[in-house]
Amino acid sequence: MGIQRRVTAFLSILSALTITLTLAGCGLLGGEETPAAQGDQQRQRVKVAILPTMDVVPLQLAIDAGYFAEEGLEVETVTAASGADCVTKLAAGEVQFAFSSFTPFFVAKAKNAADVRLVADATSAAPGYAVVVTMPNSPIASINDLAGKRVAITARFTISHLLVQAQLKAAGMDPDGVQWVELPFPQMPAQLSAGQIDAAFFVEPFLQQAKRTLGARPLFDTLAGPTAHLGLTGYGATAPFVDANKDAVAAFQRALKRATDEVRADRSKVDPLLMKIAKVDAETAKQTTLTEFVSDLDSARIQPVVDMMVEFKALEQGFDVDDMIVRPQA
């Protein structure tokens, strides 16, 4: 009996040891893991609110090419209805970064809706990239015929609103002398075709798509005259997130700059991503007019946006945009 007890005890110990070694091999007891498992655990997960426009091509490239992963970030995108919606999601804590035209960031700051910091640039004005169009058989022949008409923009106080206002004023018209209709870009073609709006502000590739599918006729370029060379879009985060996650912000900046520099140098990297982001066909992507991709936040290009917002009463008073910029780590 003594021998049997010793054998039984030995087998119990052996069984327990086998289970322990198996669990350790699976990494369940905190033992040594494979490099892939270690990388997944160390990678910080962040969400970015975006719009399905050309401006976010570098972001998508950085995701697809693994540039964020190399920097220790796992990035998920959340599509929003407008830049203002992106910033709303940021203020609510639904995302850690938000893409938008600069105007909603400044509105949020002015209204104390969110303590926003600008962490990365995206695009600046390029001729032919953002155009107001109408249907080919429309009686509207020029900007001067828009008085009282229904003009679609993504949302009030976004860059679409500001750019059209600036062009109306430059043409000697009332900057608020039209009926503003707020619509996401993908919904504009159907409403334009149905006659529910008279004109629409489009950016590429939606502009090219409207031309090809509807025969949309350009009325005026919104990135000319007083708005030429203007800073258009960028990425923001809240000050608390930036302060608590300096390394993650720096990693986001490095990966995005790497991707931006690539698309600036190689058009062939843009078109496939446009098809993926904006759901357009290959020919539409090929025919689009590229925006000016930029990778460095330049207050000289962005400050005029604040000044124009004050001019058109989107802001009660101006401020120094340089105070909002998060400079990349040296």
C-alpha atoms as a PDB file:
ATOM      1  CA  MET A   1       0.000   0.000   0.000  1.00  0.00           C
ATOM      2  CA  GLY A   2       2.873   2.354   0.815  1.00  0.00           C
ATOM      3  CA  ILE A   3       4.366   1.740  -2.611  1.00  0.00           C
ATOM      4  CA  GLN A   4       0.987   2.360  -4.281  1.00  0.00           C
ATOM      5  CA  ARG A   5       0.549   5.642  -2.411  1.00  0.00           C
ATOM      6  CA  ARG A   6       4.009   6.790  -3.508  1.00  0.00           C
ATOM      7  CA  VAL A   7       3.293   5.847  -7.135  1.00  0.00           C
ATOM      8  CA  THR A   8      -0.042   7.656  -7.043  1.00  0.00           C
ATOM      9  CA  ALA A   9       1.557  10.756  -5.545  1.00  0.00           C
ATOM     10  CA  PHE A  10       4.311  10.694  -8.175  1.00  0.00           C
ATOM     11  CA  LEU A  11       1.790  10.459 -11.012  1.00  0.00           C
ATOM     12  CA  SER A  12      -0.194  13.397  -9.558  1.00  0.00           C
ATOM     13  CA  ILE A  13       2.944  15.538  -9.401  1.00  0.00           C
ATOM     14  CA  LEU A  14       3.910  14.516 -12.937  1.00  0.00           C
ATOM     15  CA  SER A  15       0.424  15.408 -14.229  1.00  0.00           C
ATOM     16  CA  ALA A  16       0.475  18.802 -12.517  1.00  0.00           C
ATOM     17  CA  LEU A  17       3.945  19.516 -13.870  1.00  0.00           C
ATOM     18  CA  THR A  18       2.824  18.639 -17.412  1.00  0.00           C
ATOM     19  CA  ILE A  19      -0.162  20.995 -17.176  1.00  0.00           C
ATOM     20  CA  THR A  20       2.041  23.792 -15.820  1.00  0.00           C
ATOM     21  CA  LEU A  21       4.580  23.418 -18.621  1.00  0.00           C
ATOM     22  CA  THR A  22       1.809  23.349 -21.231  1.00  0.00           C
ATOM     23  CA  LEU A  23       0.210  26.535 -19.896  1.00  0.00           C
ATOM     24  CA  ALA A  24       3.579  28.238 -19.719  1.00  0.00           C
ATOM     25  CA  GLY A  25       4.257  27.275 -23.333  1.00  0.00           C
ATOM     26  CA  CYS A  26       0.957  28.934 -24.328  1.00  0.00           C
ATOM     27  CA  GLY A  27       1.911  32.100 -22.518  1.00  0.00           C
ATOM     28  CA  LEU A  28      -1.008  31.794 -20.100  1.00  0.00           C
ATOM     29  CA  LEU A  29       1.175  31.980 -16.989  1.00  0.00           C
ATOM     30  CA  GLY A  30       3.089  35.046 -18.090  1.00  0.00           C
ATOM     31  CA  GLY A  31       6.068  33.093 -19.325  1.00  0.00           C
ATOM     32  CA  GLU A  32       8.120  33.844 -22.425  1.00  0.00           C
ATOM     33  CA  GLU A  33       5.932  34.574 -25.463  1.00  0.00           C
ATOM     34  CA  THR A  34       6.545  34.634 -29.153  1.00  0.00           C
ATOM     35  CA  PRO A  35       7.701  37.989 -30.590  1.00  0.00           C
ATOM     36  CA  ALA A  36       4.340  38.386 -32.376  1.00  0.00           C
ATOM     37  CA  ALA A  37       2.401  37.972 -29.144  1.00  0.00           C
ATOM     38  CA  GLN A  38       4.678  40.415 -27.358  1.00  0.00           C
ATOM     39  CA  GLY A  39       4.243  42.936 -30.177  1.00  0.00           C
ATOM     40  CA  ASP A  40       0.442  42.678 -30.059  1.00  0.00           C
ATOM     41  CA  GLN A  41       0.366  43.254 -26.291  1.00  0.00           C
ATOM     42  CA  GLN A  42       2.736  46.226 -26.451  1.00  0.00           C
ATOM     43  CA  ARG A  43       0.914  47.903 -29.331  1.00  0.00           C
ATOM     44  CA  GLN A  44      -1.309  50.757 -28.183  1.00  0.00           C
ATOM     45  CA  ARG A  45      -4.770  50.690 -29.735  1.00  0.00           C
ATOM     46  CA  VAL A  46      -6.182  54.000 -30.948  1.00  0.00           C
ATOM     47  CA  LYS A  47      -9.219  55.023 -32.996  1.00  0.00           C
ATOM     48  CA  VAL A  48      -9.234  57.794 -35.591  1.00  0.00           C
ATOM     49  CA  ALA A  49     -12.422  59.494 -36.819  1.00  0.00           C
ATOM     50  CA  ILE A  50     -12.161  60.126 -40.555  1.00  0.00           C
ATOM     51  CA  LEU A  51     -14.056  61.156 -43.680  1.00  0.00           C
ATOM     52  CA  PRO A  52     -13.891  58.994 -46.833  1.00  0.00           C
ATOM     53  CA  THR A  53     -11.919  61.595 -48.795  1.00  0.00           C
ATOM     54  CA  MET A  54      -8.572  61.792 -50.532  1.00  0.00           C
ATOM     55  CA  ASP A  55      -7.092  63.642 -47.554  1.00  0.00           C
ATOM     56  CA  VAL A  56      -6.850  60.420 -45.512  1.00  0.00           C
ATOM     57  CA  VAL A  57      -4.929  58.455 -48.168  1.00  0.00           C
ATOM     58  CA  PRO A  58      -1.651  58.765 -46.207  1.00  0.00           C
ATOM     59  CA  LEU A  59      -3.383  57.519 -43.054  1.00  0.00           C
ATOM     60  CA  GLN A  60      -4.717  54.477 -44.887  1.00  0.00           C
ATOM     61  CA  LEU A  61      -1.302  53.824 -46.413  1.00  0.00           C
ATOM     62  CA  ALA A  62       0.308  53.965 -42.970  1.00  0.00           C
ATOM     63  CA  ILE A  63      -2.233  51.400 -41.752  1.00  0.00           C
ATOM     64  CA  ASP A  64      -1.971  49.054 -44.746  1.00  0.00           C
ATOM     65  CA  ALA A  65       1.818  49.236 -45.035  1.00  0.00           C
ATOM     66  CA  GLY A  66       2.298  48.583 -41.329  1.00  0.00           C
ATOM     67  CA  TYR A  67       3.948  51.912 -40.533  1.00  0.00           C
ATOM     68  CA  PHE A  68       1.777  52.455 -37.467  1.00  0.00           C
ATOM     69  CA  ALA A  69       2.408  48.889 -36.342  1.00  0.00           C
ATOM     70  CA  GLU A  70       6.149  49.451 -36.633  1.00  0.00           C
ATOM     71  CA  GLU A  71       5.718  52.447 -34.357  1.00  0.00           C
ATOM     72  CA  GLY A  72       3.819  50.402 -31.773  1.00  0.00           C
ATOM     73  CA  LEU A  73       0.292  51.535 -32.677  1.00  0.00           C
ATOM     74  CA  GLU A  74      -2.786  49.601 -33.733  1.00  0.00           C
ATOM     75  CA  VAL A  75      -4.984  52.090 -35.595  1.00  0.00           C
ATOM     76  CA  GLU A  76      -8.707  51.660 -36.280  1.00  0.00           C
ATOM     77  CA  THR A  77     -10.655  54.168 -38.372  1.00  0.00           C
ATOM     78  CA  VAL A  78     -14.220  55.298 -37.663  1.00  0.00           C
ATOM     79  CA  THR A  79     -16.039  56.981 -40.562  1.00  0.00           C
ATOM     80  CA  ALA A  80     -18.017  60.096 -39.630  1.00  0.00           C
ATOM     81  CA  ALA A  81     -20.560  62.230 -41.479  1.00  0.00           C
ATOM     82  CA  SER A  82     -18.542  65.459 -41.447  1.00  0.00           C
ATOM     83  CA  GLY A  83     -15.513  67.116 -39.933  1.00  0.00           C
ATOM     84  CA  ALA A  84     -17.717  68.497 -37.196  1.00  0.00           C
ATOM     85  CA  ASP A  85     -18.908  64.953 -36.458  1.00  0.00           C
ATOM     86  CA  CYS A  86     -15.284  63.782 -36.272  1.00  0.00           C
ATOM     87  CA  VAL A  87     -14.509  66.436 -33.672  1.00  0.00           C
ATOM     88  CA  THR A  88     -17.690  65.599 -31.751  1.00  0.00           C
ATOM     89  CA  LYS A  89     -16.517  61.994 -31.513  1.00  0.00           C
ATOM     90  CA  LEU A  90     -13.132  63.220 -30.316  1.00  0.00           C
ATOM     91  CA  ALA A  91     -14.659  65.445 -27.630  1.00  0.00           C
ATOM     92  CA  ALA A  92     -16.874  62.564 -26.459  1.00  0.00           C
ATOM     93  CA  GLY A  93     -13.880  60.267 -26.057  1.00  0.00           C
ATOM     94  CA  GLU A  94     -15.101  57.854 -28.743  1.00  0.00           C
ATOM     95  CA  VAL A  95     -11.805  58.241 -30.629  1.00  0.00           C
ATOM     96  CA  GLN A  96      -8.283  59.297 -29.693  1.00  0.00           C
ATOM     97  CA  PHE A  97      -7.528  61.180 -32.931  1.00  0.00           C
ATOM     98  CA  ALA A  98      -9.804  62.979 -35.364  1.00  0.00           C
ATOM     99  CA  PHE A  99      -9.329  64.029 -38.968  1.00  0.00           C
ATOM    100  CA  SER A 100     -11.113  67.199 -40.040  1.00  0.00           C
ATOM    101  CA  SER A 101     -10.830  70.455 -41.823  1.00  0.00           C
ATOM    102  CA  PHE A 102      -9.301  72.873 -39.338  1.00  0.00           C
ATOM    103  CA  THR A 103     -12.493  74.843 -38.781  1.00  0.00           C
ATOM    104  CA  PRO A 104     -14.326  72.387 -36.450  1.00  0.00           C
ATOM    105  CA  PHE A 105     -11.188  72.124 -34.307  1.00  0.00           C
ATOM    106  CA  PHE A 106     -11.232  75.891 -33.890  1.00  0.00           C
ATOM    107  CA  VAL A 107     -14.967  76.019 -33.168  1.00  0.00           C
ATOM    108  CA  ALA A 108     -14.519  73.368 -30.473  1.00  0.00           C
ATOM    109  CA  LYS A 109     -11.689  75.359 -28.920  1.00  0.00           C
ATOM    110  CA  ALA A 110     -13.611  78.640 -29.012  1.00  0.00           C
ATOM    111  CA  LYS A 111     -16.720  77.075 -27.442  1.00  0.00           C
ATOM    112  CA  ASN A 112     -14.697  75.124 -24.869  1.00  0.00           C
ATOM    113  CA  ALA A 113     -16.250  71.942 -26.232  1.00  0.00           C
ATOM    114  CA  ALA A 114     -12.828  70.295 -26.260  1.00  0.00           C
ATOM    115  CA  ASP A 115      -9.264  71.332 -25.481  1.00  0.00           C
ATOM    116  CA  VAL A 116      -7.968  70.384 -28.915  1.00  0.00           C
ATOM    117  CA  ARG A 117      -4.367  70.090 -30.035  1.00  0.00           C
ATOM    118  CA  LEU A 118      -3.274  69.807 -33.659  1.00  0.00           C
ATOM    119  CA  VAL A 119      -0.987  66.796 -33.966  1.00  0.00           C
ATOM    120  CA  ALA A 120      -0.527  66.396 -37.727  1.00  0.00           C
ATOM    121  CA  ASP A 121      -1.187  68.146 -41.004  1.00  0.00           C
ATOM    122  CA  ALA A 122      -2.971  66.523 -43.926  1.00  0.00           C
ATOM    123  CA  THR A 123      -3.658  68.785 -46.906  1.00  0.00           C
ATOM    124  CA  SER A 124      -3.488  72.342 -48.156  1.00  0.00           C
ATOM    125  CA  ALA A 125      -5.187  74.143 -51.043  1.00  0.00           C
ATOM    126  CA  ALA A 126      -4.632  72.828 -54.561  1.00  0.00           C
ATOM    127  CA  PRO A 127      -6.380  74.208 -57.687  1.00  0.00           C
ATOM    128  CA  GLY A 128      -9.252  72.068 -58.915  1.00  0.00           C
ATOM    129  CA  TYR A 129      -9.510  69.923 -55.798  1.00  0.00           C
ATOM    130  CA  ALA A 130     -12.602  71.540 -54.216  1.00  0.00           C
ATOM    131  CA  VAL A 131     -15.209  72.852 -56.637  1.00  0.00           C
ATOM    132  CA  VAL A 132     -18.868  73.901 -56.519  1.00  0.00           C
ATOM    133  CA  VAL A 133     -20.866  72.218 -59.292  1.00  0.00           C
ATOM    134  CA  THR A 134     -24.397  72.095 -60.658  1.00  0.00           C
ATOM    135  CA  MET A 135     -26.262  69.869 -63.100  1.00  0.00           C
ATOM    136  CA  PRO A 136     -25.494  70.261 -66.830  1.00  0.00           C
ATOM    137  CA  ASN A 137     -29.010  71.543 -67.636  1.00  0.00           C
ATOM    138  CA  SER A 138     -29.182  73.924 -64.669  1.00  0.00           C
ATOM    139  CA  PRO A 139     -30.030  77.585 -65.384  1.00  0.00           C
ATOM    140  CA  ILE A 140     -27.257  78.540 -62.930  1.00  0.00           C
ATOM    141  CA  ALA A 141     -24.410  79.770 -65.111  1.00  0.00           C
ATOM    142  CA  SER A 142     -22.001  81.248 -62.569  1.00  0.00           C
ATOM    143  CA  ILE A 143     -21.474  82.029 -58.907  1.00  0.00           C
ATOM    144  CA  ASN A 144     -23.540  85.185 -59.367  1.00  0.00           C
ATOM    145  CA  ASP A 145     -26.638  83.067 -59.995  1.00  0.00           C
ATOM    146  CA  LEU A 146     -26.458  81.334 -56.604  1.00  0.00           C
ATOM    147  CA  ALA A 147     -28.279  84.002 -54.606  1.00  0.00           C
ATOM    148  CA  GLY A 148     -31.095  82.304 -52.683  1.00  0.00           C
ATOM    149  CA  LYS A 149     -30.240  78.880 -54.107  1.00  0.00           C
ATOM    150  CA  ARG A 150     -29.754  75.626 -52.165  1.00  0.00           C
ATOM    151  CA  VAL A 151     -26.041  74.852 -51.864  1.00  0.00           C
ATOM    152  CA  ALA A 152     -24.833  71.611 -50.284  1.00  0.00           C
ATOM    153  CA  ILE A 153     -21.877  71.613 -47.895  1.00  0.00           C
ATOM    154  CA  THR A 154     -20.835  68.930 -45.421  1.00  0.00           C
ATOM    155  CA  ALA A 155     -21.728  71.082 -42.395  1.00  0.00           C
ATOM    156  CA  ARG A 156     -21.749  74.665 -41.223  1.00  0.00           C
ATOM    157  CA  PHE A 157     -18.442  76.004 -39.965  1.00  0.00           C
ATOM    158  CA  THR A 158     -16.467  73.351 -41.805  1.00  0.00           C
ATOM    159  CA  ILE A 159     -13.967  74.305 -44.483  1.00  0.00           C
ATOM    160  CA  SER A 160     -16.598  73.625 -47.166  1.00  0.00           C
ATOM    161  CA  HIS A 161     -18.789  76.345 -45.654  1.00  0.00           C
ATOM    162  CA  LEU A 162     -15.916  78.801 -45.227  1.00  0.00           C
ATOM    163  CA  LEU A 163     -14.526  78.334 -48.739  1.00  0.00           C
ATOM    164  CA  VAL A 164     -17.877  78.936 -50.425  1.00  0.00           C
ATOM    165  CA  GLN A 165     -18.509  81.988 -48.244  1.00  0.00           C
ATOM    166  CA  ALA A 166     -15.110  83.416 -49.181  1.00  0.00           C
ATOM    167  CA  GLN A 167     -15.816  82.988 -52.902  1.00  0.00           C
ATOM    168  CA  LEU A 168     -19.285  84.514 -52.596  1.00  0.00           C
ATOM    169  CA  LYS A 169     -17.820  87.574 -50.913  1.00  0.00           C
ATOM    170  CA  ALA A 170     -15.043  87.849 -53.508  1.00  0.00           C
ATOM    171  CA  ALA A 171     -17.752  87.868 -56.201  1.00  0.00           C
ATOM    172  CA  GLY A 172     -19.475  90.781 -54.454  1.00  0.00           C
ATOM    173  CA  MET A 173     -22.298  88.673 -53.031  1.00  0.00           C
ATOM    174  CA  ASP A 174     -23.696  88.152 -49.539  1.00  0.00           C
ATOM    175  CA  PRO A 175     -21.638  85.312 -47.950  1.00  0.00           C
ATOM    176  CA  ASP A 176     -24.837  84.026 -46.344  1.00  0.00           C
ATOM    177  CA  GLY A 177     -27.115  84.790 -49.257  1.00  0.00           C
ATOM    178  CA  VAL A 178     -27.686  81.130 -50.130  1.00  0.00           C
ATOM    179  CA  GLN A 179     -29.613  78.307 -48.448  1.00  0.00           C
ATOM    180  CA  TRP A 180     -27.066  75.986 -46.845  1.00  0.00           C
ATOM    181  CA  VAL A 181     -27.906  72.281 -46.995  1.00  0.00           C
ATOM    182  CA  GLU A 182     -25.789  69.965 -44.845  1.00  0.00           C
ATOM    183  CA  LEU A 183     -25.046  66.590 -46.463  1.00  0.00           C
ATOM    184  CA  PRO A 184     -22.283  63.968 -46.401  1.00  0.00           C
ATOM    185  CA  PHE A 185     -20.402  63.853 -49.704  1.00  0.00           C
ATOM    186  CA  PRO A 186     -21.767  60.430 -50.748  1.00  0.00           C
ATOM    187  CA  GLN A 187     -25.358  61.729 -50.511  1.00  0.00           C
ATOM    188  CA  MET A 188     -24.830  64.864 -52.588  1.00  0.00           C
ATOM    189  CA  PRO A 189     -24.966  63.358 -56.129  1.00  0.00           C
ATOM    190  CA  ALA A 190     -28.402  61.784 -55.674  1.00  0.00           C
ATOM    191  CA  GLN A 191     -29.900  64.980 -54.256  1.00  0.00           C
ATOM    192  CA  LEU A 192     -28.275  67.096 -56.963  1.00  0.00           C
ATOM    193  CA  SER A 193     -29.630  64.805 -59.665  1.00  0.00           C
ATOM    194  CA  ALA A 194     -33.117  64.810 -58.082  1.00  0.00           C
ATOM    195  CA  GLY A 195     -33.196  68.610 -57.958  1.00  0.00           C
ATOM    196  CA  GLN A 196     -33.348  68.710 -54.151  1.00  0.00           C
ATOM    197  CA  ILE A 197     -30.287  70.967 -54.145  1.00  0.00           C
ATOM    198  CA  ASP A 198     -29.173  73.469 -56.793  1.00  0.00           C
ATOM    199  CA  ALA A 199     -25.414  73.206 -56.364  1.00  0.00           C
ATOM    200  CA  ALA A 200     -22.937  71.212 -54.301  1.00  0.00           C
ATOM    201  CA  PHE A 201     -19.450  71.616 -52.892  1.00  0.00           C
ATOM    202  CA  PHE A 202     -17.373  68.580 -53.864  1.00  0.00           C
ATOM    203  CA  VAL A 203     -13.817  67.540 -53.121  1.00  0.00           C
ATOM    204  CA  GLU A 204     -12.015  64.822 -55.024  1.00  0.00           C
ATOM    205  CA  PRO A 205     -12.684  62.025 -55.788  1.00  0.00           C
ATOM    206  CA  PHE A 206     -16.390  62.823 -55.325  1.00  0.00           C
ATOM    207  CA  LEU A 207     -15.968  65.732 -57.746  1.00  0.00           C
ATOM    208  CA  GLN A 208     -14.663  63.469 -60.505  1.00  0.00           C
ATOM    209  CA  GLN A 209     -17.367  60.916 -59.756  1.00  0.00           C
ATOM    210  CA  ALA A 210     -20.107  63.572 -60.082  1.00  0.00           C
ATOM    211  CA  LYS A 211     -18.657  64.722 -63.388  1.00  0.00           C
ATOM    212  CA  ARG A 212     -18.554  61.198 -64.810  1.00  0.00           C
ATOM    213  CA  THR A 213     -21.913  59.921 -63.523  1.00  0.00           C
ATOM    214  CA  LEU A 214     -24.037  63.079 -63.605  1.00  0.00           C
ATOM    215  CA  GLY A 215     -22.218  65.257 -66.098  1.00  0.00           C
ATOM    216  CA  ALA A 216     -21.906  67.767 -63.253  1.00  0.00           C
ATOM    217  CA  ARG A 217     -20.802  71.170 -64.475  1.00  0.00           C
ATOM    218  CA  PRO A 218     -18.218  73.169 -62.474  1.00  0.00           C
ATOM    219  CA  LEU A 219     -19.295  76.658 -61.406  1.00  0.00           C
ATOM    220  CA  PHE A 220     -16.205  77.855 -59.556  1.00  0.00           C
ATOM    221  CA  ASP A 221     -13.037  76.659 -57.858  1.00  0.00           C
ATOM    222  CA  THR A 222     -13.187  77.335 -54.111  1.00  0.00           C
ATOM    223  CA  LEU A 223      -9.394  77.214 -53.746  1.00  0.00           C
ATOM    224  CA  ALA A 224      -8.539  80.302 -55.753  1.00  0.00           C
ATOM    225  CA  GLY A 225      -8.051  83.979 -55.058  1.00  0.00           C
ATOM    226  CA  PRO A 226      -8.509  84.655 -51.319  1.00  0.00           C
ATOM    227  CA  THR A 227      -8.292  80.966 -50.421  1.00  0.00           C
ATOM    228  CA  ALA A 228      -5.258  79.911 -52.479  1.00  0.00           C
ATOM    229  CA  HIS A 229      -2.524  78.198 -50.394  1.00  0.00           C
ATOM    230  CA  LEU A 230      -4.841  77.900 -47.397  1.00  0.00           C
ATOM    231  CA  GLY A 231      -4.309  75.081 -44.903  1.00  0.00           C
ATOM    232  CA  LEU A 232      -7.261  72.725 -45.274  1.00  0.00           C
ATOM    233  CA  THR A 233      -7.199  69.620 -43.110  1.00  0.00           C
ATOM    234  CA  GLY A 234      -5.312  67.919 -40.323  1.00  0.00           C
ATOM    235  CA  TYR A 235      -5.504  65.644 -37.298  1.00  0.00           C
ATOM    236  CA  GLY A 236      -6.325  66.611 -33.745  1.00  0.00           C
ATOM    237  CA  ALA A 237      -6.346  65.079 -30.293  1.00  0.00           C
ATOM    238  CA  THR A 238      -7.428  66.379 -26.909  1.00  0.00           C
ATOM    239  CA  ALA A 239      -4.850  68.003 -24.636  1.00  0.00           C
ATOM    240  CA  PRO A 240      -5.361  65.412 -21.860  1.00  0.00           C
ATOM    241  CA  PHE A 241      -4.692  62.572 -24.300  1.00  0.00           C
ATOM    242  CA  VAL A 242      -1.623  64.313 -25.719  1.00  0.00           C
ATOM    243  CA  ASP A 243      -0.215  64.997 -22.252  1.00  0.00           C
ATOM    244  CA  ALA A 244      -0.767  61.418 -21.091  1.00  0.00           C
ATOM    245  CA  ASN A 245       0.355  59.717 -24.315  1.00  0.00           C
ATOM    246  CA  LYS A 246       3.330  61.656 -25.636  1.00  0.00           C
ATOM    247  CA  ASP A 247       5.018  58.576 -27.091  1.00  0.00           C
ATOM    248  CA  ALA A 248       1.851  57.446 -28.877  1.00  0.00           C
ATOM    249  CA  VAL A 249       1.340  60.913 -30.365  1.00  0.00           C
ATOM    250  CA  ALA A 250       4.951  61.028 -31.544  1.00  0.00           C
ATOM    251  CA  ALA A 251       4.562  57.554 -33.078  1.00  0.00           C
ATOM    252  CA  PHE A 252       1.374  58.671 -34.861  1.00  0.00           C
ATOM    253  CA  GLN A 253       3.198  61.704 -36.253  1.00  0.00           C
ATOM    254  CA  ARG A 254       6.195  59.709 -37.496  1.00  0.00           C
ATOM    255  CA  ALA A 255       4.151  57.024 -39.250  1.00  0.00           C
ATOM    256  CA  LEU A 256       1.818  59.555 -40.867  1.00  0.00           C
ATOM    257  CA  LYS A 257       4.699  61.738 -42.087  1.00  0.00           C
ATOM    258  CA  ARG A 258       6.402  58.696 -43.617  1.00  0.00           C
ATOM    259  CA  ALA A 259       3.246  57.787 -45.529  1.00  0.00           C
ATOM    260  CA  THR A 260       2.559  61.395 -46.552  1.00  0.00           C
ATOM    261  CA  ASP A 261       6.032  61.802 -48.005  1.00  0.00           C
ATOM    262  CA  GLU A 262       5.499  58.609 -50.004  1.00  0.00           C
ATOM    263  CA  VAL A 263       2.204  59.640 -51.594  1.00  0.00           C
ATOM    264  CA  ARG A 264       3.642  63.057 -52.408  1.00  0.00           C
ATOM    265  CA  ALA A 265       6.396  61.353 -54.370  1.00  0.00           C
ATOM    266  CA  ASP A 266       4.413  58.528 -55.998  1.00  0.00           C
ATOM    267  CA  ARG A 267       0.946  59.011 -57.533  1.00  0.00           C
ATOM    268  CA  SER A 268       0.614  55.268 -58.140  1.00  0.00           C
ATOM    269  CA  LYS A 269       0.168  54.751 -54.389  1.00  0.00           C
ATOM    270  CA  VAL A 270      -2.797  57.132 -54.267  1.00  0.00           C
ATOM    271  CA  ASP A 271      -5.268  55.648 -56.758  1.00  0.00           C
ATOM    272  CA  PRO A 272      -5.736  52.169 -55.209  1.00  0.00           C
ATOM    273  CA  LEU A 273      -6.265  53.738 -51.797  1.00  0.00           C
ATOM    274  CA  LEU A 274      -8.806  56.174 -53.240  1.00  0.00           C
ATOM    275  CA  MET A 275     -10.764  53.225 -54.584  1.00  0.00           C
ATOM    276  CA  LYS A 276     -10.684  51.618 -51.150  1.00  0.00           C
ATOM    277  CA  ILE A 277     -11.537  54.715 -49.112  1.00  0.00           C
ATOM    278  CA  ALA A 278     -14.075  56.498 -51.317  1.00  0.00           C
ATOM    279  CA  LYS A 279     -15.475  53.391 -53.060  1.00  0.00           C
ATOM    280  CA  VAL A 280     -14.829  54.779 -56.549  1.00  0.00           C
ATOM    281  CA  ASP A 281     -13.832  52.843 -59.661  1.00  0.00           C
ATOM    282  CA  ALA A 282     -10.335  52.747 -61.112  1.00  0.00           C
ATOM    283  CA  GLU A 283     -11.044  55.254 -63.897  1.00  0.00           C
ATOM    284  CA  THR A 284     -12.512  57.797 -61.469  1.00  0.00           C
ATOM    285  CA  ALA A 285      -9.512  57.427 -59.185  1.00  0.00           C
ATOM    286  CA  LYS A 286      -7.139  57.865 -62.118  1.00  0.00           C
ATOM    287  CA  GLN A 287      -8.851  61.070 -63.289  1.00  0.00           C
ATOM    288  CA  THR A 288      -8.992  62.807 -59.902  1.00  0.00           C
ATOM    289  CA  THR A 289      -7.114  66.013 -59.269  1.00  0.00           C
ATOM    290  CA  LEU A 290      -4.762  65.456 -56.366  1.00  0.00           C
ATOM    291  CA  THR A 291      -4.799  67.625 -53.309  1.00  0.00           C
ATOM    292  CA  GLU A 292      -1.579  69.012 -51.854  1.00  0.00           C
ATOM    293  CA  PHE A 293      -0.516  66.460 -49.258  1.00  0.00           C
ATOM    294  CA  VAL A 294       1.506  68.050 -46.459  1.00  0.00           C
ATOM    295  CA  SER A 295       3.282  66.516 -43.497  1.00  0.00           C
ATOM    296  CA  ASP A 296       4.422  69.470 -41.371  1.00  0.00           C
ATOM    297  CA  LEU A 297       2.051  71.700 -39.410  1.00  0.00           C
ATOM    298  CA  ASP A 298       2.741  75.238 -40.604  1.00  0.00           C
ATOM    299  CA  SER A 299       0.998  77.971 -38.654  1.00  0.00           C
ATOM    300  CA  ALA A 300       1.558  80.389 -41.546  1.00  0.00           C
ATOM    301  CA  ARG A 301      -0.882  78.351 -43.657  1.00  0.00           C
ATOM    302  CA  ILE A 302      -3.305  77.556 -40.840  1.00  0.00           C
ATOM    303  CA  GLN A 303      -3.604  80.933 -39.085  1.00  0.00           C
ATOM    304  CA  PRO A 304      -5.484  82.470 -42.063  1.00  0.00           C
ATOM    305  CA  VAL A 305      -8.259  79.906 -41.440  1.00  0.00           C
ATOM    306  CA  VAL A 306      -8.830  81.407 -37.985  1.00  0.00           C
ATOM    307  CA  ASP A 307      -8.779  84.913 -39.443  1.00  0.00           C
ATOM    308  CA  MET A 308     -11.344  84.002 -42.095  1.00  0.00           C
ATOM    309  CA  MET A 309     -13.572  82.382 -39.489  1.00  0.00           C
ATOM    310  CA  VAL A 310     -13.584  85.634 -37.532  1.00  0.00           C
ATOM    311  CA  GLU A 311     -14.338  87.523 -40.738  1.00  0.00           C
ATOM    312  CA  PHE A 312     -17.357  85.322 -41.498  1.00  0.00           C
ATOM    313  CA  LYS A 313     -18.502  85.262 -37.881  1.00  0.00           C
ATOM    314  CA  ALA A 314     -17.818  81.580 -37.293  1.00  0.00           C
ATOM    315  CA  LEU A 315     -15.666  82.752 -34.370  1.00  0.00           C
ATOM    316  CA  GLU A 316     -16.223  85.770 -32.151  1.00  0.00           C
ATOM    317  CA  GLN A 317     -12.521  86.427 -31.778  1.00  0.00           C
ATOM    318  CA  GLY A 318      -9.267  85.041 -33.062  1.00  0.00           C
ATOM    319  CA  PHE A 319      -6.358  83.370 -31.332  1.00  0.00           C
ATOM    320  CA  ASP A 320      -2.818  82.242 -32.083  1.00  0.00           C
ATOM    321  CA  VAL A 321      -3.068  78.819 -33.727  1.00  0.00           C
ATOM    322  CA  ASP A 322       0.573  78.155 -32.914  1.00  0.00           C
ATOM    323  CA  ASP A 323      -0.488  77.513 -29.313  1.00  0.00           C
ATOM    324  CA  MET A 324      -2.503  74.490 -30.472  1.00  0.00           C
ATOM    325  CA  ILE A 325       0.262  72.784 -32.440  1.00  0.00           C
ATOM    326  CA  VAL A 326       2.037  69.739 -31.016  1.00  0.00           C
ATOM    327  CA  ARG A 327       5.540  69.794 -32.477  1.00  0.00           C
ATOM    328  CA  PRO A 328       7.125  66.442 -33.354  1.00  0.00           C
ATOM    329  CA  GLN A 329       9.736  65.189 -30.924  1.00  0.00           C
ATOM    330  CA  ALA A 330      13.293  65.970 -31.973  1.00  0.00           C
END
